[in-house]
Amino acid sequence: MIRLARPIFAFAILAVSMFAGAARAQDNAQSKKQPTATEAVLANWNDVGNRLVTMAEDWPEDKYSYKLAPTTRTFQDVILHIAGSNYDMLNKMTKSKVGDGRNDPPAGEYTTKAATVAFLKKSVEDGAALAKKQGDAGVMKFLEYWDGYTEHMGEHYGLLVAYYRASGLVPPESRPKK
């Protein structure tokens, strides 16, 4: 009988410790503060926006005029379109003129990679600053804009991944982490 009791006893200890561990994990998950509306919007906006900025910085300057096909935008045109659309959103929400809110600012006005990157980076930073300024009430009031334009950035992120792949390059997010 003693020989059978040991495995049963060991199993009972294991089951109790697993149950206790699961209960602790559940308590920890419940005690973690849910993000506010502003925090959630900022997390999404900055995540996608910063991925795009990384791509704009990473992409070779001599390939800024690269197109997937003759009828598509150049890599630079996509970056400018994203930044211009970001400012379009900010202008709609603030009812003012912030940045270059044209849907497709011409590449001729952003003649270097550095100028293009700076424009995109500033549009993402200005969006984050507005979300912080709006706070939860403002973010909720304009949630459709925040969701829609963040999704817009995400769609173009996916498009730019195709530019990388078609050029034989690996997108920054797909590279092994160090």
C-alpha atoms as a PDB file:
ATOM      1  CA  MET A   1       0.000   0.000   0.000  1.00  0.00           C
ATOM      2  CA  ILE A   2       2.829   2.373   0.732  1.00  0.00           C
ATOM      3  CA  ARG A   3       4.203   1.902  -2.767  1.00  0.00           C
ATOM      4  CA  LEU A   4       0.883   3.014  -4.310  1.00  0.00           C
ATOM      5  CA  ALA A   5       0.486   5.917  -1.919  1.00  0.00           C
ATOM      6  CA  ARG A   6       3.706   7.616  -3.005  1.00  0.00           C
ATOM      7  CA  PRO A   7       2.678   8.098  -6.673  1.00  0.00           C
ATOM      8  CA  ILE A   8      -0.801   9.198  -5.643  1.00  0.00           C
ATOM      9  CA  PHE A   9       0.668  11.579  -3.078  1.00  0.00           C
ATOM     10  CA  ALA A  10       3.120  12.956  -5.651  1.00  0.00           C
ATOM     11  CA  PHE A  11       0.299  13.386  -8.150  1.00  0.00           C
ATOM     12  CA  ALA A  12      -1.821  15.192  -5.539  1.00  0.00           C
ATOM     13  CA  ILE A  13       1.054  17.583  -4.718  1.00  0.00           C
ATOM     14  CA  LEU A  14       1.610  18.242  -8.422  1.00  0.00           C
ATOM     15  CA  ALA A  15      -2.097  18.919  -9.023  1.00  0.00           C
ATOM     16  CA  VAL A  16      -2.338  21.286  -6.053  1.00  0.00           C
ATOM     17  CA  SER A  17       0.776  23.202  -7.103  1.00  0.00           C
ATOM     18  CA  MET A  18      -0.492  23.486 -10.701  1.00  0.00           C
ATOM     19  CA  PHE A  19      -3.844  24.758  -9.453  1.00  0.00           C
ATOM     20  CA  ALA A  20      -2.122  27.269  -7.163  1.00  0.00           C
ATOM     21  CA  GLY A  21       0.096  28.455 -10.026  1.00  0.00           C
ATOM     22  CA  ALA A  22      -2.896  28.901 -12.318  1.00  0.00           C
ATOM     23  CA  ALA A  23      -4.770  30.796  -9.614  1.00  0.00           C
ATOM     24  CA  ARG A  24      -1.771  33.117  -9.072  1.00  0.00           C
ATOM     25  CA  ALA A  25      -1.484  33.752 -12.827  1.00  0.00           C
ATOM     26  CA  GLN A  26      -5.189  34.580 -13.003  1.00  0.00           C
ATOM     27  CA  ASP A  27      -4.895  36.957 -10.041  1.00  0.00           C
ATOM     28  CA  ASN A  28      -1.893  38.667 -11.666  1.00  0.00           C
ATOM     29  CA  ALA A  29      -3.753  39.037 -14.973  1.00  0.00           C
ATOM     30  CA  GLN A  30      -6.778  40.514 -13.219  1.00  0.00           C
ATOM     31  CA  SER A  31      -4.679  42.876 -11.131  1.00  0.00           C
ATOM     32  CA  LYS A  32      -2.899  44.309 -14.205  1.00  0.00           C
ATOM     33  CA  LYS A  33      -4.367  47.651 -15.109  1.00  0.00           C
ATOM     34  CA  GLN A  34      -6.236  47.760 -18.402  1.00  0.00           C
ATOM     35  CA  PRO A  35      -4.850  50.451 -20.737  1.00  0.00           C
ATOM     36  CA  THR A  36      -6.811  53.659 -21.050  1.00  0.00           C
ATOM     37  CA  ALA A  37      -8.249  54.614 -24.434  1.00  0.00           C
ATOM     38  CA  THR A  38      -5.353  57.013 -24.960  1.00  0.00           C
ATOM     39  CA  GLU A  39      -2.762  54.391 -24.023  1.00  0.00           C
ATOM     40  CA  ALA A  40      -4.320  51.843 -26.382  1.00  0.00           C
ATOM     41  CA  VAL A  41      -4.499  54.292 -29.294  1.00  0.00           C
ATOM     42  CA  LEU A  42      -0.929  55.450 -28.677  1.00  0.00           C
ATOM     43  CA  ALA A  43       0.374  51.892 -28.503  1.00  0.00           C
ATOM     44  CA  ASN A  44      -1.169  51.012 -31.879  1.00  0.00           C
ATOM     45  CA  TRP A  45      -0.347  54.341 -33.556  1.00  0.00           C
ATOM     46  CA  ASN A  46       3.279  54.300 -32.404  1.00  0.00           C
ATOM     47  CA  ASP A  47       3.776  50.613 -33.175  1.00  0.00           C
ATOM     48  CA  VAL A  48       2.745  50.896 -36.812  1.00  0.00           C
ATOM     49  CA  GLY A  49       4.154  54.392 -37.247  1.00  0.00           C
ATOM     50  CA  ASN A  50       7.554  53.452 -35.848  1.00  0.00           C
ATOM     51  CA  ARG A  51       7.720  50.348 -38.055  1.00  0.00           C
ATOM     52  CA  LEU A  52       7.165  52.584 -41.063  1.00  0.00           C
ATOM     53  CA  VAL A  53       9.783  55.072 -39.894  1.00  0.00           C
ATOM     54  CA  THR A  54      12.244  52.192 -39.502  1.00  0.00           C
ATOM     55  CA  MET A  55      11.492  51.084 -43.051  1.00  0.00           C
ATOM     56  CA  ALA A  56      11.893  54.625 -44.412  1.00  0.00           C
ATOM     57  CA  GLU A  57      15.255  54.920 -42.654  1.00  0.00           C
ATOM     58  CA  ASP A  58      16.369  51.440 -43.704  1.00  0.00           C
ATOM     59  CA  TRP A  59      15.385  51.516 -47.378  1.00  0.00           C
ATOM     60  CA  PRO A  60      18.363  52.406 -49.622  1.00  0.00           C
ATOM     61  CA  GLU A  61      18.219  55.990 -50.833  1.00  0.00           C
ATOM     62  CA  ASP A  62      19.060  54.951 -54.390  1.00  0.00           C
ATOM     63  CA  LYS A  63      15.888  52.800 -54.382  1.00  0.00           C
ATOM     64  CA  TYR A  64      13.500  55.518 -53.197  1.00  0.00           C
ATOM     65  CA  SER A  65      12.192  55.753 -56.785  1.00  0.00           C
ATOM     66  CA  TYR A  66      11.562  51.980 -56.960  1.00  0.00           C
ATOM     67  CA  LYS A  67       8.077  50.859 -58.066  1.00  0.00           C
ATOM     68  CA  LEU A  68       6.528  47.407 -57.818  1.00  0.00           C
ATOM     69  CA  ALA A  69       4.951  47.986 -61.232  1.00  0.00           C
ATOM     70  CA  PRO A  70       4.798  50.927 -63.633  1.00  0.00           C
ATOM     71  CA  THR A  71       1.326  51.925 -62.368  1.00  0.00           C
ATOM     72  CA  THR A  72       2.203  51.911 -58.648  1.00  0.00           C
ATOM     73  CA  ARG A  73       3.678  54.580 -56.414  1.00  0.00           C
ATOM     74  CA  THR A  74       7.385  54.714 -55.793  1.00  0.00           C
ATOM     75  CA  PHE A  75       8.637  53.708 -52.354  1.00  0.00           C
ATOM     76  CA  GLN A  76       9.077  57.400 -51.567  1.00  0.00           C
ATOM     77  CA  ASP A  77       5.592  58.237 -52.837  1.00  0.00           C
ATOM     78  CA  VAL A  78       4.111  55.641 -50.452  1.00  0.00           C
ATOM     79  CA  ILE A  79       5.999  57.165 -47.504  1.00  0.00           C
ATOM     80  CA  LEU A  80       4.865  60.671 -48.488  1.00  0.00           C
ATOM     81  CA  HIS A  81       1.282  59.457 -48.930  1.00  0.00           C
ATOM     82  CA  ILE A  82       1.266  57.942 -45.435  1.00  0.00           C
ATOM     83  CA  ALA A  83       2.638  61.109 -43.837  1.00  0.00           C
ATOM     84  CA  GLY A  84       0.276  63.347 -45.814  1.00  0.00           C
ATOM     85  CA  SER A  85      -2.679  61.194 -44.789  1.00  0.00           C
ATOM     86  CA  ASN A  86      -1.580  61.347 -41.147  1.00  0.00           C
ATOM     87  CA  TYR A  87      -1.661  65.135 -41.353  1.00  0.00           C
ATOM     88  CA  ASP A  88      -5.011  64.994 -43.137  1.00  0.00           C
ATOM     89  CA  MET A  89      -6.381  63.156 -40.099  1.00  0.00           C
ATOM     90  CA  LEU A  90      -4.816  65.618 -37.660  1.00  0.00           C
ATOM     91  CA  ASN A  91      -6.267  68.532 -39.615  1.00  0.00           C
ATOM     92  CA  LYS A  92      -9.726  66.976 -39.637  1.00  0.00           C
ATOM     93  CA  MET A  93      -9.650  66.441 -35.887  1.00  0.00           C
ATOM     94  CA  THR A  94      -8.185  69.827 -34.962  1.00  0.00           C
ATOM     95  CA  LYS A  95      -9.928  71.784 -37.718  1.00  0.00           C
ATOM     96  CA  SER A  96      -6.629  73.530 -38.372  1.00  0.00           C
ATOM     97  CA  LYS A  97      -3.678  73.327 -40.752  1.00  0.00           C
ATOM     98  CA  VAL A  98      -0.949  71.126 -39.302  1.00  0.00           C
ATOM     99  CA  GLY A  99       1.906  69.839 -41.459  1.00  0.00           C
ATOM    100  CA  ASP A 100       1.481  68.951 -45.113  1.00  0.00           C
ATOM    101  CA  GLY A 101      -1.977  67.416 -45.257  1.00  0.00           C
ATOM    102  CA  ARG A 102      -2.062  66.751 -48.985  1.00  0.00           C
ATOM    103  CA  ASN A 103      -2.936  63.142 -49.717  1.00  0.00           C
ATOM    104  CA  ASP A 104       0.021  62.728 -52.050  1.00  0.00           C
ATOM    105  CA  PRO A 105       2.659  65.409 -51.487  1.00  0.00           C
ATOM    106  CA  PRO A 106       4.939  65.535 -54.532  1.00  0.00           C
ATOM    107  CA  ALA A 107       8.331  63.872 -54.220  1.00  0.00           C
ATOM    108  CA  GLY A 108       9.856  66.941 -55.870  1.00  0.00           C
ATOM    109  CA  GLU A 109       9.221  68.862 -52.628  1.00  0.00           C
ATOM    110  CA  TYR A 110      11.001  66.201 -50.570  1.00  0.00           C
ATOM    111  CA  THR A 111      14.186  65.833 -52.597  1.00  0.00           C
ATOM    112  CA  THR A 112      16.197  63.682 -50.191  1.00  0.00           C
ATOM    113  CA  LYS A 113      15.683  60.525 -48.212  1.00  0.00           C
ATOM    114  CA  ALA A 114      16.367  62.519 -45.030  1.00  0.00           C
ATOM    115  CA  ALA A 115      13.577  64.998 -45.839  1.00  0.00           C
ATOM    116  CA  THR A 116      11.136  62.171 -46.579  1.00  0.00           C
ATOM    117  CA  VAL A 117      12.018  60.294 -43.395  1.00  0.00           C
ATOM    118  CA  ALA A 118      11.756  63.484 -41.331  1.00  0.00           C
ATOM    119  CA  PHE A 119       8.299  64.209 -42.763  1.00  0.00           C
ATOM    120  CA  LEU A 120       7.009  60.728 -41.915  1.00  0.00           C
ATOM    121  CA  LYS A 121       8.609  60.733 -38.474  1.00  0.00           C
ATOM    122  CA  LYS A 122       7.134  64.148 -37.648  1.00  0.00           C
ATOM    123  CA  SER A 123       3.651  63.040 -38.770  1.00  0.00           C
ATOM    124  CA  VAL A 124       3.809  60.050 -36.409  1.00  0.00           C
ATOM    125  CA  GLU A 125       5.148  62.188 -33.548  1.00  0.00           C
ATOM    126  CA  ASP A 126       2.510  64.873 -34.125  1.00  0.00           C
ATOM    127  CA  GLY A 127      -0.210  62.216 -34.120  1.00  0.00           C
ATOM    128  CA  ALA A 128       1.045  60.811 -30.814  1.00  0.00           C
ATOM    129  CA  ALA A 129       1.220  64.311 -29.329  1.00  0.00           C
ATOM    130  CA  LEU A 130      -2.374  65.011 -30.351  1.00  0.00           C
ATOM    131  CA  ALA A 131      -3.634  61.741 -28.844  1.00  0.00           C
ATOM    132  CA  LYS A 132      -1.930  62.651 -25.553  1.00  0.00           C
ATOM    133  CA  LYS A 133      -3.385  66.149 -25.693  1.00  0.00           C
ATOM    134  CA  GLN A 134      -6.886  64.845 -26.463  1.00  0.00           C
ATOM    135  CA  GLY A 135      -6.875  62.442 -23.549  1.00  0.00           C
ATOM    136  CA  ASP A 136      -9.390  59.658 -23.190  1.00  0.00           C
ATOM    137  CA  ALA A 137     -12.453  61.779 -23.932  1.00  0.00           C
ATOM    138  CA  GLY A 138     -10.959  63.227 -27.119  1.00  0.00           C
ATOM    139  CA  VAL A 139      -9.574  59.919 -28.295  1.00  0.00           C
ATOM    140  CA  MET A 140     -12.980  58.302 -27.812  1.00  0.00           C
ATOM    141  CA  LYS A 141     -14.656  61.173 -29.665  1.00  0.00           C
ATOM    142  CA  PHE A 142     -12.361  60.621 -32.646  1.00  0.00           C
ATOM    143  CA  LEU A 143     -11.839  56.868 -32.270  1.00  0.00           C
ATOM    144  CA  GLU A 144     -13.064  56.199 -35.799  1.00  0.00           C
ATOM    145  CA  TYR A 145     -10.298  58.457 -37.143  1.00  0.00           C
ATOM    146  CA  TRP A 146      -7.642  56.898 -34.922  1.00  0.00           C
ATOM    147  CA  ASP A 147      -8.648  53.370 -35.892  1.00  0.00           C
ATOM    148  CA  GLY A 148      -9.041  54.155 -39.582  1.00  0.00           C
ATOM    149  CA  TYR A 149      -5.792  56.029 -40.046  1.00  0.00           C
ATOM    150  CA  THR A 150      -3.806  53.542 -37.965  1.00  0.00           C
ATOM    151  CA  GLU A 151      -5.228  50.795 -40.171  1.00  0.00           C
ATOM    152  CA  HIS A 152      -4.292  52.900 -43.216  1.00  0.00           C
ATOM    153  CA  MET A 153      -0.695  52.991 -42.009  1.00  0.00           C
ATOM    154  CA  GLY A 154      -0.820  49.240 -41.432  1.00  0.00           C
ATOM    155  CA  GLU A 155      -2.087  48.569 -44.941  1.00  0.00           C
ATOM    156  CA  HIS A 156       0.786  50.570 -46.400  1.00  0.00           C
ATOM    157  CA  TYR A 157       3.217  48.802 -44.089  1.00  0.00           C
ATOM    158  CA  GLY A 158       2.110  45.550 -45.738  1.00  0.00           C
ATOM    159  CA  LEU A 159       2.547  47.110 -49.168  1.00  0.00           C
ATOM    160  CA  LEU A 160       6.083  48.200 -48.310  1.00  0.00           C
ATOM    161  CA  VAL A 161       6.894  44.659 -47.173  1.00  0.00           C
ATOM    162  CA  ALA A 162       6.094  43.662 -50.768  1.00  0.00           C
ATOM    163  CA  TYR A 163       8.551  46.327 -52.020  1.00  0.00           C
ATOM    164  CA  TYR A 164      11.234  44.765 -49.837  1.00  0.00           C
ATOM    165  CA  ARG A 165      10.490  41.219 -50.950  1.00  0.00           C
ATOM    166  CA  ALA A 166      10.300  42.116 -54.658  1.00  0.00           C
ATOM    167  CA  SER A 167      13.674  43.852 -54.334  1.00  0.00           C
ATOM    168  CA  GLY A 168      15.268  40.832 -52.699  1.00  0.00           C
ATOM    169  CA  LEU A 169      15.506  42.637 -49.358  1.00  0.00           C
ATOM    170  CA  VAL A 170      14.318  41.524 -45.941  1.00  0.00           C
ATOM    171  CA  PRO A 171      12.033  43.927 -44.069  1.00  0.00           C
ATOM    172  CA  PRO A 172      13.428  45.095 -40.713  1.00  0.00           C
ATOM    173  CA  GLU A 173      10.722  43.315 -38.680  1.00  0.00           C
ATOM    174  CA  SER A 174      11.476  40.009 -40.430  1.00  0.00           C
ATOM    175  CA  ARG A 175      15.176  40.040 -39.662  1.00  0.00           C
ATOM    176  CA  PRO A 176      16.558  37.874 -36.872  1.00  0.00           C
ATOM    177  CA  LYS A 177      16.589  39.710 -33.553  1.00  0.00           C
ATOM    178  CA  LYS A 178      19.982  40.190 -31.945  1.00  0.00           C
END
